[in-house]
Amino acid sequence: MSELFGKIKKALTETEEIENEEVEEVFEEKVSEYEQAQNEKVKRVSNAKMMVKEPRSFDDSTEIANCLLANKACVVNIHRLQEASAIRLLDFLAGVIYAIKGEYQRIDRNVFLFTPHDMPVDGRVEGE
C-alpha cells in the first residue's frame, strides 16, 4: 500500500516540478522580451535628432515630412511663406503627424514643433 502511495506521490510531484520549470521558462522569456524593448527605446532616444527648417515654399514640405518619417523632430519656422502657402504646408504636416501618431504644437506666432510618436514633449506654450 505504501508503495502505491509512493508511486502516486512521485508522479504528482514530478508533474509539479515540470510545470514550475515551464512557468519559469515562460517568465524568463517575457522578462528578456521586456528588457529588449526597453533597450530599443533607449537606443531610439539616444539617436534622436531635432531638425530646424525654414521653408521658402510649399515644395519644402516633403523634406520636412521625410524628417518626420525618419523619426526626427522638426522645428518649422514659416515666417518666409505667404499665408496661403503656410496654411497649406501646416495642413500637410498635420496629416503626416496624424499618420505617424506624432504631435505638434505652436511655439511662437510662426514657429511650430513637430515630433514623432516616440518623442513626447512635456509642457505647452501659452498663446498670446
C-alpha atoms as a PDB file:
ATOM      1  CA  MET A   1       0.000   0.000   0.000  1.00  0.00           C
ATOM      2  CA  SER A   2       2.770   2.415   0.887  1.00  0.00           C
ATOM      3  CA  GLU A   3       4.399   1.608  -2.435  1.00  0.00           C
ATOM      4  CA  LEU A   4       1.238   2.680  -4.223  1.00  0.00           C
ATOM      5  CA  PHE A   5       1.127   5.985  -2.322  1.00  0.00           C
ATOM      6  CA  GLY A   6       4.821   6.446  -3.003  1.00  0.00           C
ATOM      7  CA  LYS A   7       4.301   5.991  -6.747  1.00  0.00           C
ATOM      8  CA  ILE A   8       1.317   8.357  -6.768  1.00  0.00           C
ATOM      9  CA  LYS A   9       3.233  10.954  -4.764  1.00  0.00           C
ATOM     10  CA  LYS A  10       6.224  10.652  -7.073  1.00  0.00           C
ATOM     11  CA  ALA A  11       4.028  11.043 -10.166  1.00  0.00           C
ATOM     12  CA  LEU A  12       2.304  14.132  -8.738  1.00  0.00           C
ATOM     13  CA  THR A  13       5.462  15.871  -7.536  1.00  0.00           C
ATOM     14  CA  GLU A  14       7.280  15.278 -10.824  1.00  0.00           C
ATOM     15  CA  THR A  15       4.401  16.909 -12.702  1.00  0.00           C
ATOM     16  CA  GLU A  16       4.508  19.954 -10.414  1.00  0.00           C
ATOM     17  CA  GLU A  17       8.260  20.293 -10.910  1.00  0.00           C
ATOM     18  CA  ILE A  18       7.868  20.116 -14.692  1.00  0.00           C
ATOM     19  CA  GLU A  19       5.057  22.705 -14.605  1.00  0.00           C
ATOM     20  CA  ASN A  20       7.159  25.015 -12.422  1.00  0.00           C
ATOM     21  CA  GLU A  21      10.085  24.716 -14.829  1.00  0.00           C
ATOM     22  CA  GLU A  22       7.807  25.565 -17.772  1.00  0.00           C
ATOM     23  CA  VAL A  23       6.394  28.594 -15.950  1.00  0.00           C
ATOM     24  CA  GLU A  24       9.895  29.786 -15.073  1.00  0.00           C
ATOM     25  CA  GLU A  25      10.999  29.458 -18.720  1.00  0.00           C
ATOM     26  CA  VAL A  26       7.994  31.439 -19.969  1.00  0.00           C
ATOM     27  CA  PHE A  27       8.567  34.084 -17.287  1.00  0.00           C
ATOM     28  CA  GLU A  28      12.249  34.397 -18.212  1.00  0.00           C
ATOM     29  CA  GLU A  29      11.314  34.771 -21.904  1.00  0.00           C
ATOM     30  CA  LYS A  30       8.845  37.562 -21.099  1.00  0.00           C
ATOM     31  CA  VAL A  31      11.419  39.365 -18.940  1.00  0.00           C
ATOM     32  CA  SER A  32      14.022  39.198 -21.711  1.00  0.00           C
ATOM     33  CA  GLU A  33      11.462  40.482 -24.268  1.00  0.00           C
ATOM     34  CA  TYR A  34      10.687  43.418 -21.949  1.00  0.00           C
ATOM     35  CA  GLU A  35      14.389  44.173 -21.468  1.00  0.00           C
ATOM     36  CA  GLN A  36      14.936  44.127 -25.234  1.00  0.00           C
ATOM     37  CA  ALA A  37      12.049  46.555 -25.742  1.00  0.00           C
ATOM     38  CA  GLN A  38      13.483  48.897 -23.107  1.00  0.00           C
ATOM     39  CA  ASN A  39      16.920  48.740 -24.737  1.00  0.00           C
ATOM     40  CA  GLU A  40      15.372  49.606 -28.104  1.00  0.00           C
ATOM     41  CA  LYS A  41      13.668  52.645 -26.559  1.00  0.00           C
ATOM     42  CA  VAL A  42      16.966  53.829 -25.086  1.00  0.00           C
ATOM     43  CA  LYS A  43      18.693  53.408 -28.456  1.00  0.00           C
ATOM     44  CA  ARG A  44      15.958  55.364 -30.239  1.00  0.00           C
ATOM     45  CA  VAL A  45      16.052  58.215 -27.741  1.00  0.00           C
ATOM     46  CA  SER A  46      19.847  58.395 -27.792  1.00  0.00           C
ATOM     47  CA  ASN A  47      19.764  58.587 -31.607  1.00  0.00           C
ATOM     48  CA  ALA A  48      17.044  61.255 -31.574  1.00  0.00           C
ATOM     49  CA  LYS A  49      17.715  64.312 -33.675  1.00  0.00           C
ATOM     50  CA  MET A  50      15.939  67.609 -33.986  1.00  0.00           C
ATOM     51  CA  MET A  51      15.896  69.467 -37.271  1.00  0.00           C
ATOM     52  CA  VAL A  52      15.246  73.172 -37.752  1.00  0.00           C
ATOM     53  CA  LYS A  53      13.547  74.040 -41.040  1.00  0.00           C
ATOM     54  CA  GLU A  54      12.640  77.356 -42.610  1.00  0.00           C
ATOM     55  CA  PRO A  55      10.641  76.526 -45.731  1.00  0.00           C
ATOM     56  CA  ARG A  56      10.525  79.096 -48.515  1.00  0.00           C
ATOM     57  CA  SER A  57       7.765  77.370 -50.492  1.00  0.00           C
ATOM     58  CA  PHE A  58       5.297  74.515 -50.179  1.00  0.00           C
ATOM     59  CA  ASP A  59       7.763  72.333 -52.112  1.00  0.00           C
ATOM     60  CA  ASP A  60       9.931  72.186 -48.976  1.00  0.00           C
ATOM     61  CA  SER A  61       7.163  70.290 -47.169  1.00  0.00           C
ATOM     62  CA  THR A  62       8.324  66.904 -48.480  1.00  0.00           C
ATOM     63  CA  GLU A  63      11.763  67.416 -46.941  1.00  0.00           C
ATOM     64  CA  ILE A  64      10.153  68.143 -43.567  1.00  0.00           C
ATOM     65  CA  ALA A  65       7.820  65.142 -43.952  1.00  0.00           C
ATOM     66  CA  ASN A  66      10.797  62.878 -44.694  1.00  0.00           C
ATOM     67  CA  CYS A  67      12.476  64.053 -41.479  1.00  0.00           C
ATOM     68  CA  LEU A  68       9.352  63.180 -39.505  1.00  0.00           C
ATOM     69  CA  LEU A  69       9.060  59.792 -41.202  1.00  0.00           C
ATOM     70  CA  ALA A  70      12.690  59.156 -40.175  1.00  0.00           C
ATOM     71  CA  ASN A  71      11.670  59.781 -36.513  1.00  0.00           C
ATOM     72  CA  LYS A  72      13.318  63.179 -36.291  1.00  0.00           C
ATOM     73  CA  ALA A  73      11.623  66.106 -34.595  1.00  0.00           C
ATOM     74  CA  CYS A  74      11.334  69.320 -36.611  1.00  0.00           C
ATOM     75  CA  VAL A  75      11.073  72.922 -35.574  1.00  0.00           C
ATOM     76  CA  VAL A  76       9.468  74.710 -38.516  1.00  0.00           C
ATOM     77  CA  ASN A  77       9.596  78.483 -38.938  1.00  0.00           C
ATOM     78  CA  ILE A  78       7.051  79.574 -41.572  1.00  0.00           C
ATOM     79  CA  HIS A  79       7.662  83.335 -41.447  1.00  0.00           C
ATOM     80  CA  ARG A  80       9.020  83.403 -45.039  1.00  0.00           C
ATOM     81  CA  LEU A  81       5.895  81.814 -46.525  1.00  0.00           C
ATOM     82  CA  GLN A  82       2.868  83.618 -47.861  1.00  0.00           C
ATOM     83  CA  GLU A  83      -0.239  82.966 -45.805  1.00  0.00           C
ATOM     84  CA  ALA A  84      -1.860  80.564 -48.303  1.00  0.00           C
ATOM     85  CA  SER A  85       1.343  78.511 -48.636  1.00  0.00           C
ATOM     86  CA  ALA A  86       1.830  78.486 -44.862  1.00  0.00           C
ATOM     87  CA  ILE A  87      -1.690  77.151 -44.278  1.00  0.00           C
ATOM     88  CA  ARG A  88      -1.232  74.511 -46.969  1.00  0.00           C
ATOM     89  CA  LEU A  89       2.135  73.427 -45.519  1.00  0.00           C
ATOM     90  CA  LEU A  90       0.766  73.200 -41.971  1.00  0.00           C
ATOM     91  CA  ASP A  91      -2.235  71.177 -43.167  1.00  0.00           C
ATOM     92  CA  PHE A  92       0.076  68.775 -44.996  1.00  0.00           C
ATOM     93  CA  LEU A  93       2.397  68.370 -41.996  1.00  0.00           C
ATOM     94  CA  ALA A  94      -0.585  67.892 -39.676  1.00  0.00           C
ATOM     95  CA  GLY A  95      -1.617  64.988 -41.917  1.00  0.00           C
ATOM     96  CA  VAL A  96       1.873  63.498 -41.723  1.00  0.00           C
ATOM     97  CA  ILE A  97       1.853  63.837 -37.934  1.00  0.00           C
ATOM     98  CA  TYR A  98      -1.554  62.175 -37.755  1.00  0.00           C
ATOM     99  CA  ALA A  99      -0.334  59.275 -39.913  1.00  0.00           C
ATOM    100  CA  ILE A 100       2.717  58.612 -37.722  1.00  0.00           C
ATOM    101  CA  LYS A 101       0.787  59.241 -34.474  1.00  0.00           C
ATOM    102  CA  GLY A 102       3.055  62.146 -33.585  1.00  0.00           C
ATOM    103  CA  GLU A 103       2.315  65.541 -32.072  1.00  0.00           C
ATOM    104  CA  TYR A 104       2.701  69.161 -33.000  1.00  0.00           C
ATOM    105  CA  GLN A 105       2.342  72.427 -31.194  1.00  0.00           C
ATOM    106  CA  ARG A 106       2.759  76.106 -31.841  1.00  0.00           C
ATOM    107  CA  ILE A 107       5.826  77.577 -30.166  1.00  0.00           C
ATOM    108  CA  ASP A 108       5.563  81.140 -31.447  1.00  0.00           C
ATOM    109  CA  ARG A 109       3.495  83.056 -33.977  1.00  0.00           C
ATOM    110  CA  ASN A 110       5.249  81.435 -36.959  1.00  0.00           C
ATOM    111  CA  VAL A 111       7.168  78.601 -35.275  1.00  0.00           C
ATOM    112  CA  PHE A 112       5.848  75.056 -34.823  1.00  0.00           C
ATOM    113  CA  LEU A 113       7.297  71.914 -33.254  1.00  0.00           C
ATOM    114  CA  PHE A 114       6.525  68.571 -34.920  1.00  0.00           C
ATOM    115  CA  THR A 115       7.548  65.384 -33.093  1.00  0.00           C
ATOM    116  CA  PRO A 116       7.240  61.668 -33.905  1.00  0.00           C
ATOM    117  CA  HIS A 117       5.208  59.379 -31.625  1.00  0.00           C
ATOM    118  CA  ASP A 118       8.202  58.120 -29.632  1.00  0.00           C
ATOM    119  CA  MET A 119       9.413  61.608 -28.734  1.00  0.00           C
ATOM    120  CA  PRO A 120       6.827  63.135 -26.383  1.00  0.00           C
ATOM    121  CA  VAL A 121       7.054  66.789 -25.400  1.00  0.00           C
ATOM    122  CA  ASP A 122       6.193  67.881 -21.874  1.00  0.00           C
ATOM    123  CA  GLY A 123       4.575  71.261 -21.336  1.00  0.00           C
ATOM    124  CA  ARG A 124       2.818  73.727 -23.564  1.00  0.00           C
ATOM    125  CA  VAL A 125       3.497  77.290 -24.648  1.00  0.00           C
ATOM    126  CA  GLU A 126       0.524  79.504 -23.840  1.00  0.00           C
ATOM    127  CA  GLY A 127      -0.869  81.714 -26.621  1.00  0.00           C
ATOM    128  CA  GLU A 128      -0.673  85.489 -26.729  1.00  0.00           C
END
